[in-house]
Every structure is written in C-alpha cells, then in structure tokens.
Amino acid sequence: MIHPWYAVRYVAFITRELWVGAFRVAVEAFTPGIATPAIVEYPLRCRTDLEVTFMTSSITITPGTLVLGIAAGTDDVPPTIFVHSMFGKGRAEVVAGLRDMEDRLLLMTRGRREAR
C-alpha cells in the first residue's frame, strides 16, 4: 500500500536528487577530475517486487548513479544491488545515501510502523 503523504515526500526527495545530481554531473563535465567513481554492493531491505523496482529505478534516474545488476534474494538472503556512483568519498558515503533513499521509499510503501 502506498501512503499518499510519504509518496509526495518521496517524489519531492527524488526531484531534489535529480536537480542536485544533474548539477554535479554538469560541473564534472566542465571541470574533469572531481569525480570519485565507485561500485558498491548494497543488500536491500526492500522485499516486494514493487519496492525493488522503485528503488532501482530511483537510483538509475538520478544523474551520477546507475544500478549495474541485481542479485535475487531468497528466504534467508535479501536481494542485493550493485550500484555505480560517480561521486562519493568512499563506500560508506555511497551506502549512507542509498540507505537514506531506501528509508524514504520504505516509509512510502510500508508506513512508519513497518519501515524500520
């Protein structure tokens, strides 16, 4: 179930990320060398196909990030995504950004009680 208030907040968050990402990529195009590309493995807390699709789509439409692949989950192992990021000062920063996005997404799909 999609919670309308959290859906509006999530769309606003993604819109902001689109603008910030586009600006960072444009700056990189004119001043090469500031990008710090990395590929990270990120185990998801998303469980449904809808949540995984929203998460991977949100990452991929954000300039500067791209989902390279998805490892399917099982009953015991969560699905895992592999993300390429142009900007980030290390794995911890990239993972923190992904966790923030996933937290907001889970609020939208599960509500406050079940999101954590």
C-alpha atoms as a PDB file:
ATOM      1  CA  MET A   1       0.000   0.000   0.000  1.00  0.00           C
ATOM      2  CA  ILE A   2       1.317   3.420  -0.935  1.00  0.00           C
ATOM      3  CA  HIS A   3       0.921   6.067   1.769  1.00  0.00           C
ATOM      4  CA  PRO A   4      -0.027   9.324  -0.019  1.00  0.00           C
ATOM      5  CA  TRP A   5       1.772  11.764   2.289  1.00  0.00           C
ATOM      6  CA  TYR A   6       5.014   9.781   2.189  1.00  0.00           C
ATOM      7  CA  ALA A   7       4.622   9.374  -1.594  1.00  0.00           C
ATOM      8  CA  VAL A   8       4.531  13.164  -2.020  1.00  0.00           C
ATOM      9  CA  ARG A   9       7.604  13.495   0.184  1.00  0.00           C
ATOM     10  CA  TYR A  10       9.410  10.762  -1.762  1.00  0.00           C
ATOM     11  CA  VAL A  11       8.671  12.404  -5.116  1.00  0.00           C
ATOM     12  CA  ALA A  12       9.954  15.723  -3.730  1.00  0.00           C
ATOM     13  CA  PHE A  13      13.113  13.978  -2.496  1.00  0.00           C
ATOM     14  CA  ILE A  14      13.739  12.316  -5.877  1.00  0.00           C
ATOM     15  CA  THR A  15      13.098  15.608  -7.689  1.00  0.00           C
ATOM     16  CA  ARG A  16      15.679  17.336  -5.494  1.00  0.00           C
ATOM     17  CA  GLU A  17      18.151  14.492  -6.090  1.00  0.00           C
ATOM     18  CA  LEU A  18      17.619  14.829  -9.855  1.00  0.00           C
ATOM     19  CA  TRP A  19      18.495  18.526  -9.778  1.00  0.00           C
ATOM     20  CA  VAL A  20      21.486  18.095  -7.463  1.00  0.00           C
ATOM     21  CA  GLY A  21      22.791  15.143  -9.485  1.00  0.00           C
ATOM     22  CA  ALA A  22      22.368  16.970 -12.783  1.00  0.00           C
ATOM     23  CA  PHE A  23      24.283  19.953 -11.411  1.00  0.00           C
ATOM     24  CA  ARG A  24      27.135  17.749 -10.125  1.00  0.00           C
ATOM     25  CA  VAL A  25      27.413  15.918 -13.456  1.00  0.00           C
ATOM     26  CA  ALA A  26      27.428  19.249 -15.344  1.00  0.00           C
ATOM     27  CA  VAL A  27      30.176  20.595 -13.092  1.00  0.00           C
ATOM     28  CA  GLU A  28      32.182  17.404 -13.702  1.00  0.00           C
ATOM     29  CA  ALA A  29      31.768  17.824 -17.466  1.00  0.00           C
ATOM     30  CA  PHE A  30      33.392  21.264 -17.340  1.00  0.00           C
ATOM     31  CA  THR A  31      35.978  20.571 -14.622  1.00  0.00           C
ATOM     32  CA  PRO A  32      37.095  16.949 -15.066  1.00  0.00           C
ATOM     33  CA  GLY A  33      38.778  15.217 -12.191  1.00  0.00           C
ATOM     34  CA  ILE A  34      36.431  15.837  -9.276  1.00  0.00           C
ATOM     35  CA  ALA A  35      34.516  12.579  -9.728  1.00  0.00           C
ATOM     36  CA  THR A  36      35.409   9.683  -7.447  1.00  0.00           C
ATOM     37  CA  PRO A  37      33.704   6.720  -9.107  1.00  0.00           C
ATOM     38  CA  ALA A  38      32.931   3.613  -7.101  1.00  0.00           C
ATOM     39  CA  ILE A  39      30.956   0.412  -7.410  1.00  0.00           C
ATOM     40  CA  VAL A  40      29.268  -0.765  -4.222  1.00  0.00           C
ATOM     41  CA  GLU A  41      27.300  -3.835  -3.248  1.00  0.00           C
ATOM     42  CA  TYR A  42      24.181  -2.942  -1.280  1.00  0.00           C
ATOM     43  CA  PRO A  43      21.898  -5.543   0.353  1.00  0.00           C
ATOM     44  CA  LEU A  44      18.329  -4.282   0.223  1.00  0.00           C
ATOM     45  CA  ARG A  45      15.712  -4.228   2.940  1.00  0.00           C
ATOM     46  CA  CYS A  46      13.126  -3.977   0.146  1.00  0.00           C
ATOM     47  CA  ARG A  47      11.310  -7.274  -0.233  1.00  0.00           C
ATOM     48  CA  THR A  48       8.478  -6.892  -2.742  1.00  0.00           C
ATOM     49  CA  ASP A  49       8.968  -6.573  -6.480  1.00  0.00           C
ATOM     50  CA  LEU A  50       7.363  -3.121  -6.324  1.00  0.00           C
ATOM     51  CA  GLU A  51       9.809  -1.888  -3.666  1.00  0.00           C
ATOM     52  CA  VAL A  52      12.841  -3.278  -5.531  1.00  0.00           C
ATOM     53  CA  THR A  53      11.614  -1.741  -8.788  1.00  0.00           C
ATOM     54  CA  PHE A  54      11.032   1.662  -7.176  1.00  0.00           C
ATOM     55  CA  MET A  55      14.455   1.567  -5.520  1.00  0.00           C
ATOM     56  CA  THR A  56      16.422   0.555  -8.611  1.00  0.00           C
ATOM     57  CA  SER A  57      14.503   2.995 -10.819  1.00  0.00           C
ATOM     58  CA  SER A  58      15.090   5.837  -8.365  1.00  0.00           C
ATOM     59  CA  ILE A  59      18.814   5.136  -8.326  1.00  0.00           C
ATOM     60  CA  THR A  60      19.102   4.846 -12.090  1.00  0.00           C
ATOM     61  CA  ILE A  61      17.174   8.047 -12.917  1.00  0.00           C
ATOM     62  CA  THR A  62      19.357  10.057 -10.548  1.00  0.00           C
ATOM     63  CA  PRO A  63      22.272  11.527 -12.533  1.00  0.00           C
ATOM     64  CA  GLY A  64      25.613  10.160 -11.388  1.00  0.00           C
ATOM     65  CA  THR A  65      24.301   6.775 -10.236  1.00  0.00           C
ATOM     66  CA  LEU A  66      23.410   3.573 -12.041  1.00  0.00           C
ATOM     67  CA  VAL A  67      22.274   0.121 -10.969  1.00  0.00           C
ATOM     68  CA  LEU A  68      24.604  -2.349 -12.656  1.00  0.00           C
ATOM     69  CA  GLY A  69      22.894  -5.526 -11.514  1.00  0.00           C
ATOM     70  CA  ILE A  70      20.605  -7.218  -9.062  1.00  0.00           C
ATOM     71  CA  ALA A  71      21.238 -10.479  -7.244  1.00  0.00           C
ATOM     72  CA  ALA A  72      17.916 -12.109  -6.440  1.00  0.00           C
ATOM     73  CA  GLY A  73      17.145 -12.763  -2.830  1.00  0.00           C
ATOM     74  CA  THR A  74      15.924 -15.914  -1.148  1.00  0.00           C
ATOM     75  CA  ASP A  75      14.003 -16.527   2.044  1.00  0.00           C
ATOM     76  CA  ASP A  76      17.258 -16.199   4.020  1.00  0.00           C
ATOM     77  CA  VAL A  77      19.238 -13.728   1.900  1.00  0.00           C
ATOM     78  CA  PRO A  78      17.951 -10.277   0.895  1.00  0.00           C
ATOM     79  CA  PRO A  79      18.171  -9.074  -2.704  1.00  0.00           C
ATOM     80  CA  THR A  80      21.402  -7.235  -3.423  1.00  0.00           C
ATOM     81  CA  ILE A  81      22.063  -4.469  -5.915  1.00  0.00           C
ATOM     82  CA  PHE A  82      25.347  -3.330  -7.401  1.00  0.00           C
ATOM     83  CA  VAL A  83      25.485   0.438  -7.866  1.00  0.00           C
ATOM     84  CA  HIS A  84      27.956   2.601  -9.756  1.00  0.00           C
ATOM     85  CA  SER A  85      28.309   6.070  -8.267  1.00  0.00           C
ATOM     86  CA  MET A  86      30.271   8.906  -9.851  1.00  0.00           C
ATOM     87  CA  PHE A  87      30.523  10.868  -6.638  1.00  0.00           C
ATOM     88  CA  GLY A  88      31.212   9.757  -3.098  1.00  0.00           C
ATOM     89  CA  LYS A  89      34.142   9.974  -0.774  1.00  0.00           C
ATOM     90  CA  GLY A  90      34.184   6.251  -0.154  1.00  0.00           C
ATOM     91  CA  ARG A  91      31.910   3.277   0.189  1.00  0.00           C
ATOM     92  CA  ALA A  92      30.423   4.496   3.484  1.00  0.00           C
ATOM     93  CA  GLU A  93      29.143   7.741   1.931  1.00  0.00           C
ATOM     94  CA  VAL A  94      27.577   5.959  -1.056  1.00  0.00           C
ATOM     95  CA  VAL A  95      25.924   3.364   1.204  1.00  0.00           C
ATOM     96  CA  ALA A  96      24.619   6.130   3.503  1.00  0.00           C
ATOM     97  CA  GLY A  97      22.967   7.824   0.518  1.00  0.00           C
ATOM     98  CA  LEU A  98      21.418   4.542  -0.616  1.00  0.00           C
ATOM     99  CA  ARG A  99      20.169   3.817   2.909  1.00  0.00           C
ATOM    100  CA  ASP A 100      18.566   7.273   3.107  1.00  0.00           C
ATOM    101  CA  MET A 101      16.801   6.700  -0.213  1.00  0.00           C
ATOM    102  CA  GLU A 102      15.647   3.240   0.882  1.00  0.00           C
ATOM    103  CA  ASP A 103      14.383   4.575   4.245  1.00  0.00           C
ATOM    104  CA  ARG A 104      12.246   7.139   2.427  1.00  0.00           C
ATOM    105  CA  LEU A 105      10.988   4.532  -0.026  1.00  0.00           C
ATOM    106  CA  LEU A 106      10.016   2.101   2.730  1.00  0.00           C
ATOM    107  CA  LEU A 107       8.124   4.874   4.521  1.00  0.00           C
ATOM    108  CA  MET A 108       6.158   5.387   1.322  1.00  0.00           C
ATOM    109  CA  THR A 109       5.380   1.706   0.762  1.00  0.00           C
ATOM    110  CA  ARG A 110       5.066   0.422   4.339  1.00  0.00           C
ATOM    111  CA  GLY A 111       4.299   3.405   6.534  1.00  0.00           C
ATOM    112  CA  ARG A 112       6.092   4.472   9.695  1.00  0.00           C
ATOM    113  CA  ARG A 113       5.448   1.330  11.764  1.00  0.00           C
ATOM    114  CA  GLU A 114       6.767  -1.205   9.294  1.00  0.00           C
ATOM    115  CA  ALA A 115       9.510   0.792   7.603  1.00  0.00           C
ATOM    116  CA  ARG A 116      12.229   0.027  10.120  1.00  0.00           C
END
